[in-house]
């Protein structure tokens, strides 16, 4: 295909990094964004060694001024056709009664306002491309709740609503809105961050689950969705491992 640009937020690790690899393999010029520049540089070096077209931009999606400056600089690249809103995360598992409002605020900032910031900033370019795609990486937490997940669930419901509302508001415009909602995905950092570095608690999330999803499973799904013909929209795709029937029903082997 002719050169097209895909912007991936939260591309320094996990699903974001895996998605960047998949889109680069699909022929996109991939713009890697995240806060940790050193990890982005390492990924960019890896992709460039394989002959992939890649650029790096250190970016905090919660900083609107920085996001606007980033969007303004994209004129130097081929037309932006794809935005993958992947940056996000969870903090803590406290019940609503005792949860730290600062944790809720941080989760809302990145999972909701981060998606809003980057989407608003890049929407003109995506629309003018004549064939734009916005991907929102939400979560099954955005579709159903569970105890101890109130703050994260609320934030991911917000991301889900952004995708759902955009699809209505952009009907008739040349921009698709795709939401991918993964369930249990085992990555190096998600659970570890949620439990503030407690490796034993993080590992317990996946205990006995034979095959939780991997970052590459999700990335493969994202790449498939964005490379469908332009008239085909994947509104919402829920992705879970076979062992997981819902947010709270998971088969664990003894």
Protein backbone atom coordinates (compact mmCIF):
# COMPACT_ATOMS: atom_id res chain seq x y z
CA UNK A 1 0.00 0.00 0.00
CA UNK A 2 1.08 3.62 -0.38
CA UNK A 3 2.79 5.05 2.69
CA UNK A 4 0.36 5.89 5.45
CA UNK A 5 1.08 7.05 8.97
CA UNK A 6 -0.20 5.34 12.10
CA UNK A 7 0.19 7.04 15.48
CA UNK A 8 0.30 4.73 18.50
CA UNK A 9 0.07 6.15 22.02
CA UNK A 10 1.52 4.26 24.96
CA UNK A 11 3.89 2.53 22.54
CA UNK A 12 6.77 2.04 24.96
CA UNK A 13 5.68 -1.43 26.13
CA UNK A 14 2.94 -4.04 26.19
CA UNK A 15 0.03 -3.76 23.79
CA UNK A 16 1.24 -0.44 22.41
CA UNK A 17 4.69 -1.74 21.47
CA UNK A 18 3.22 -4.93 20.00
CA UNK A 19 0.72 -2.89 17.97
CA UNK A 20 3.48 -0.68 16.64
CA UNK A 21 5.36 -3.77 15.47
CA UNK A 22 2.29 -5.18 13.72
CA UNK A 23 1.43 -1.92 11.98
CA UNK A 24 5.03 -1.45 10.88
CA UNK A 25 4.95 -4.95 9.40
CA UNK A 26 1.74 -3.98 7.59
CA UNK A 27 3.61 -1.16 5.85
CA UNK A 28 2.62 1.85 7.93
CA UNK A 29 5.01 4.61 8.86
CA UNK A 30 4.55 4.30 12.62
CA UNK A 31 4.90 7.21 15.00
CA UNK A 32 5.69 5.87 18.46
CA UNK A 33 4.53 8.02 21.37
CA UNK A 34 4.80 7.52 25.12
CA UNK A 35 6.36 9.24 28.10
CA UNK A 36 9.45 7.00 28.31
CA UNK A 37 11.69 8.13 25.47
CA UNK A 38 14.41 5.56 26.15
CA UNK A 39 12.00 2.66 25.62
CA UNK A 40 10.63 4.26 22.46
CA UNK A 41 14.17 4.67 21.14
CA UNK A 42 14.91 0.99 21.75
CA UNK A 43 11.74 -0.08 19.92
CA UNK A 44 12.46 2.32 17.06
CA UNK A 45 15.95 0.89 16.71
CA UNK A 46 14.51 -2.63 16.58
CA UNK A 47 11.98 -1.71 13.90
CA UNK A 48 14.46 0.27 11.84
CA UNK A 49 16.84 -2.70 11.86
CA UNK A 50 14.08 -4.68 10.16
CA UNK A 51 13.69 -1.97 7.52
CA UNK A 52 10.51 -0.51 9.00
CA UNK A 53 9.58 3.15 8.76
CA UNK A 54 9.32 4.64 12.24
CA UNK A 55 9.56 7.88 14.20
CA UNK A 56 9.64 8.63 17.92
CA UNK A 57 7.95 11.38 19.90
CA UNK A 58 8.06 11.50 23.70
CA UNK A 59 4.55 12.50 24.73
CA UNK A 60 2.33 12.64 27.80
CA UNK A 61 -1.23 12.36 26.47
CA UNK A 62 -2.58 14.16 29.53
CA UNK A 63 -0.62 17.32 28.61
CA UNK A 64 -2.86 19.08 26.12
CA UNK A 65 -0.30 21.69 25.08
CA UNK A 66 2.23 18.94 24.34
CA UNK A 67 -0.37 16.96 22.39
CA UNK A 68 -1.25 20.01 20.27
CA UNK A 69 2.44 20.66 19.56
CA UNK A 70 2.86 17.02 18.54
CA UNK A 71 -0.13 17.20 16.18
CA UNK A 72 1.21 20.37 14.58
CA UNK A 73 4.50 18.63 13.82
CA UNK A 74 2.89 15.70 12.02
CA UNK A 75 2.82 17.72 8.81
CA UNK A 76 6.35 16.43 8.23
CA UNK A 77 5.08 12.85 7.87
CA UNK A 78 2.97 11.05 5.27
CA UNK A 79 -0.78 11.60 5.79
CA UNK A 80 -2.09 10.31 9.12
CA UNK A 81 -4.63 7.57 8.48
CA UNK A 82 -4.65 5.70 11.81
CA UNK A 83 -4.65 6.72 15.46
CA UNK A 84 -4.41 3.98 18.07
CA UNK A 85 -5.42 5.35 21.46
CA UNK A 86 -3.65 2.79 23.60
CA UNK A 87 -2.19 4.82 26.49
CA UNK A 88 -3.96 3.92 29.72
CA UNK A 89 -3.68 1.93 32.89
CA UNK A 90 -5.09 0.97 36.27
CA UNK A 91 -4.12 1.93 39.80
CA UNK A 92 -5.18 -0.06 42.85
CA UNK A 93 -8.07 -2.37 43.69
CA UNK A 94 -9.57 -0.51 46.64
CA UNK A 95 -13.34 -0.49 47.08
CA UNK A 96 -15.22 2.71 46.38
CA UNK A 97 -15.57 3.39 50.11
CA UNK A 98 -11.83 3.70 50.69
CA UNK A 99 -10.31 4.40 47.25
CA UNK A 100 -7.86 7.26 46.88
CA UNK A 101 -9.40 10.03 44.75
CA UNK A 102 -5.93 10.78 43.40
CA UNK A 103 -5.83 7.31 41.84
CA UNK A 104 -9.24 7.84 40.26
CA UNK A 105 -8.16 11.22 38.93
CA UNK A 106 -4.96 9.78 37.44
CA UNK A 107 -6.89 6.97 35.74
CA UNK A 108 -9.47 9.38 34.35
CA UNK A 109 -6.76 11.70 33.07
CA UNK A 110 -4.97 9.06 30.99
CA UNK A 111 -7.82 6.71 30.02
CA UNK A 112 -10.41 9.36 29.20
CA UNK A 113 -8.89 12.82 28.78
CA UNK A 114 -5.81 11.34 27.14
CA UNK A 115 -8.03 9.75 24.49
CA UNK A 116 -9.93 13.01 24.11
CA UNK A 117 -6.79 15.12 23.80
CA UNK A 118 -5.11 13.06 21.09
CA UNK A 119 -8.32 12.38 19.19
CA UNK A 120 -9.26 16.06 19.07
CA UNK A 121 -5.75 17.08 18.03
CA UNK A 122 -5.45 14.54 15.21
CA UNK A 123 -9.05 14.48 13.99
CA UNK A 124 -8.54 17.19 11.33
CA UNK A 125 -5.64 15.24 9.82
CA UNK A 126 -7.48 11.93 10.00
CA UNK A 127 -10.52 13.43 8.33
CA UNK A 128 -8.55 15.19 5.60
CA UNK A 129 -6.77 11.94 4.77
CA UNK A 130 -10.06 10.77 3.25
CA UNK A 131 -9.74 7.38 4.96
CA UNK A 132 -9.07 7.79 8.67
CA UNK A 133 -9.37 5.28 11.49
CA UNK A 134 -9.48 5.95 15.21
CA UNK A 135 -8.92 2.96 17.45
CA UNK A 136 -9.83 3.12 21.12
CA UNK A 137 -8.21 0.39 23.20
CA UNK A 138 -10.73 0.16 25.99
CA UNK A 139 -11.31 -2.94 28.11
CA UNK A 140 -14.00 -5.37 29.12
CA UNK A 141 -13.94 -3.20 32.27
CA UNK A 142 -15.60 -0.58 30.08
CA UNK A 143 -18.58 -2.88 29.55
CA UNK A 144 -19.15 -4.49 32.96
CA UNK A 145 -18.02 -3.79 36.49
CA UNK A 146 -16.43 -5.84 39.27
CA UNK A 147 -15.61 -5.32 42.93
CA UNK A 148 -12.43 -3.40 43.56
CA UNK A 149 -12.36 -2.01 40.05
CA UNK A 150 -14.53 1.07 40.45
CA UNK A 151 -12.04 3.72 39.37
CA UNK A 152 -10.64 1.77 36.43
CA UNK A 153 -14.10 0.61 35.38
CA UNK A 154 -15.40 4.18 35.47
CA UNK A 155 -12.47 5.38 33.36
CA UNK A 156 -12.82 2.63 30.78
CA UNK A 157 -16.56 3.21 30.59
CA UNK A 158 -15.59 6.77 29.70
CA UNK A 159 -13.31 5.58 26.91
CA UNK A 160 -16.08 3.30 25.64
CA UNK A 161 -18.52 6.20 25.57
CA UNK A 162 -16.06 8.39 23.66
CA UNK A 163 -15.85 5.74 20.94
CA UNK A 164 -19.59 5.20 20.86
CA UNK A 165 -20.36 8.93 20.69
CA UNK A 166 -17.70 9.67 18.07
CA UNK A 167 -19.17 7.00 15.83
CA UNK A 168 -22.49 8.83 15.92
CA UNK A 169 -21.03 12.30 15.53
CA UNK A 170 -18.71 11.38 12.65
CA UNK A 171 -21.29 9.41 10.70
CA UNK A 172 -20.95 10.58 7.10
CA UNK A 173 -17.32 11.60 7.55
CA UNK A 174 -14.42 9.52 6.17
CA UNK A 175 -13.30 8.34 9.61
CA UNK A 176 -13.96 4.94 11.18
CA UNK A 177 -14.20 4.46 14.94
CA UNK A 178 -13.05 1.06 16.13
CA UNK A 179 -13.13 -0.06 19.75
CA UNK A 180 -11.14 -3.08 20.87
CA UNK A 181 -12.02 -4.23 24.38
CA UNK A 182 -9.56 -6.83 25.72
CA UNK A 183 -10.18 -8.97 28.76
CA UNK A 184 -7.36 -10.69 30.63
CA UNK A 185 -4.06 -9.80 28.96
CA UNK A 186 -0.76 -10.75 30.59
CA UNK A 187 1.86 -8.10 29.95
CA UNK A 188 5.03 -7.17 31.78
CA UNK A 189 3.69 -4.00 33.35
CA UNK A 190 -0.12 -3.67 33.57
CA UNK A 191 -0.78 -5.66 36.75
CA UNK A 192 2.58 -4.68 38.24
CA UNK A 193 1.67 -1.01 37.89
CA UNK A 194 -1.80 -1.62 39.29
CA UNK A 195 -0.32 -3.23 42.40
CA UNK A 196 2.42 -0.60 42.70
CA UNK A 197 5.30 -2.96 42.03
CA UNK A 198 4.07 -5.89 44.15
CA UNK A 199 5.14 -8.75 41.88
CA UNK A 200 3.44 -11.49 43.89
CA UNK A 201 0.03 -9.78 43.73
CA UNK A 202 0.51 -9.05 40.06
CA UNK A 203 1.36 -12.66 39.28
CA UNK A 204 -1.64 -13.90 41.28
CA UNK A 205 -3.96 -12.24 38.76
CA UNK A 206 -2.97 -14.86 36.19
CA UNK A 207 -2.44 -17.82 38.55
CA UNK A 208 -3.80 -21.05 37.10
CA UNK A 209 -4.91 -19.44 33.84
CA UNK A 210 -3.40 -21.63 31.16
CA UNK A 211 -3.29 -19.07 28.39
CA UNK A 212 -4.20 -15.47 29.13
CA UNK A 213 -4.09 -13.18 26.12
CA UNK A 214 -0.73 -11.72 25.15
CA UNK A 215 0.03 -8.22 23.95
CA UNK A 216 0.60 -9.66 20.49
CA UNK A 217 -2.86 -11.26 20.47
CA UNK A 218 -4.38 -7.82 20.94
CA UNK A 219 -2.00 -6.18 18.49
CA UNK A 220 -2.87 -8.77 15.84
CA UNK A 221 -6.54 -7.90 16.33
CA UNK A 222 -5.89 -4.16 16.04
CA UNK A 223 -3.86 -4.63 12.85
CA UNK A 224 -6.58 -6.83 11.36
CA UNK A 225 -9.29 -4.29 12.17
CA UNK A 226 -7.51 -1.25 10.74
CA UNK A 227 -6.54 -3.05 7.53
CA UNK A 228 -10.12 -4.00 6.59
CA UNK A 229 -11.47 -2.26 3.47
CA UNK A 230 -12.36 1.36 4.16
CA UNK A 231 -16.11 0.71 4.10
CA UNK A 232 -15.84 -1.99 6.79
CA UNK A 233 -16.05 -0.78 10.38
CA UNK A 234 -15.42 -2.97 13.40
CA UNK A 235 -17.59 -1.07 15.87
CA UNK A 236 -16.71 -3.06 18.99
CA UNK A 237 -14.67 -6.20 19.32
CA UNK A 238 -14.44 -7.93 22.70
CA UNK A 239 -11.34 -10.08 23.01
CA UNK A 240 -10.89 -12.59 25.85
CA UNK A 241 -8.87 -15.74 26.44
CA UNK A 242 -10.87 -18.95 26.24
CA UNK A 243 -10.48 -19.38 30.00
CA UNK A 244 -12.32 -16.14 30.72
CA UNK A 245 -16.10 -16.03 30.39
CA UNK A 246 -16.58 -12.64 32.04
CA UNK A 247 -14.68 -10.11 34.13
CA UNK A 248 -15.17 -12.27 37.21
CA UNK A 249 -15.54 -15.83 35.85
CA UNK A 250 -12.17 -17.28 34.94
CA UNK A 251 -11.19 -20.95 34.76
CA UNK A 252 -8.07 -21.61 36.79
CA UNK A 253 -6.31 -24.95 36.70
CA UNK A 254 -5.26 -26.43 40.03
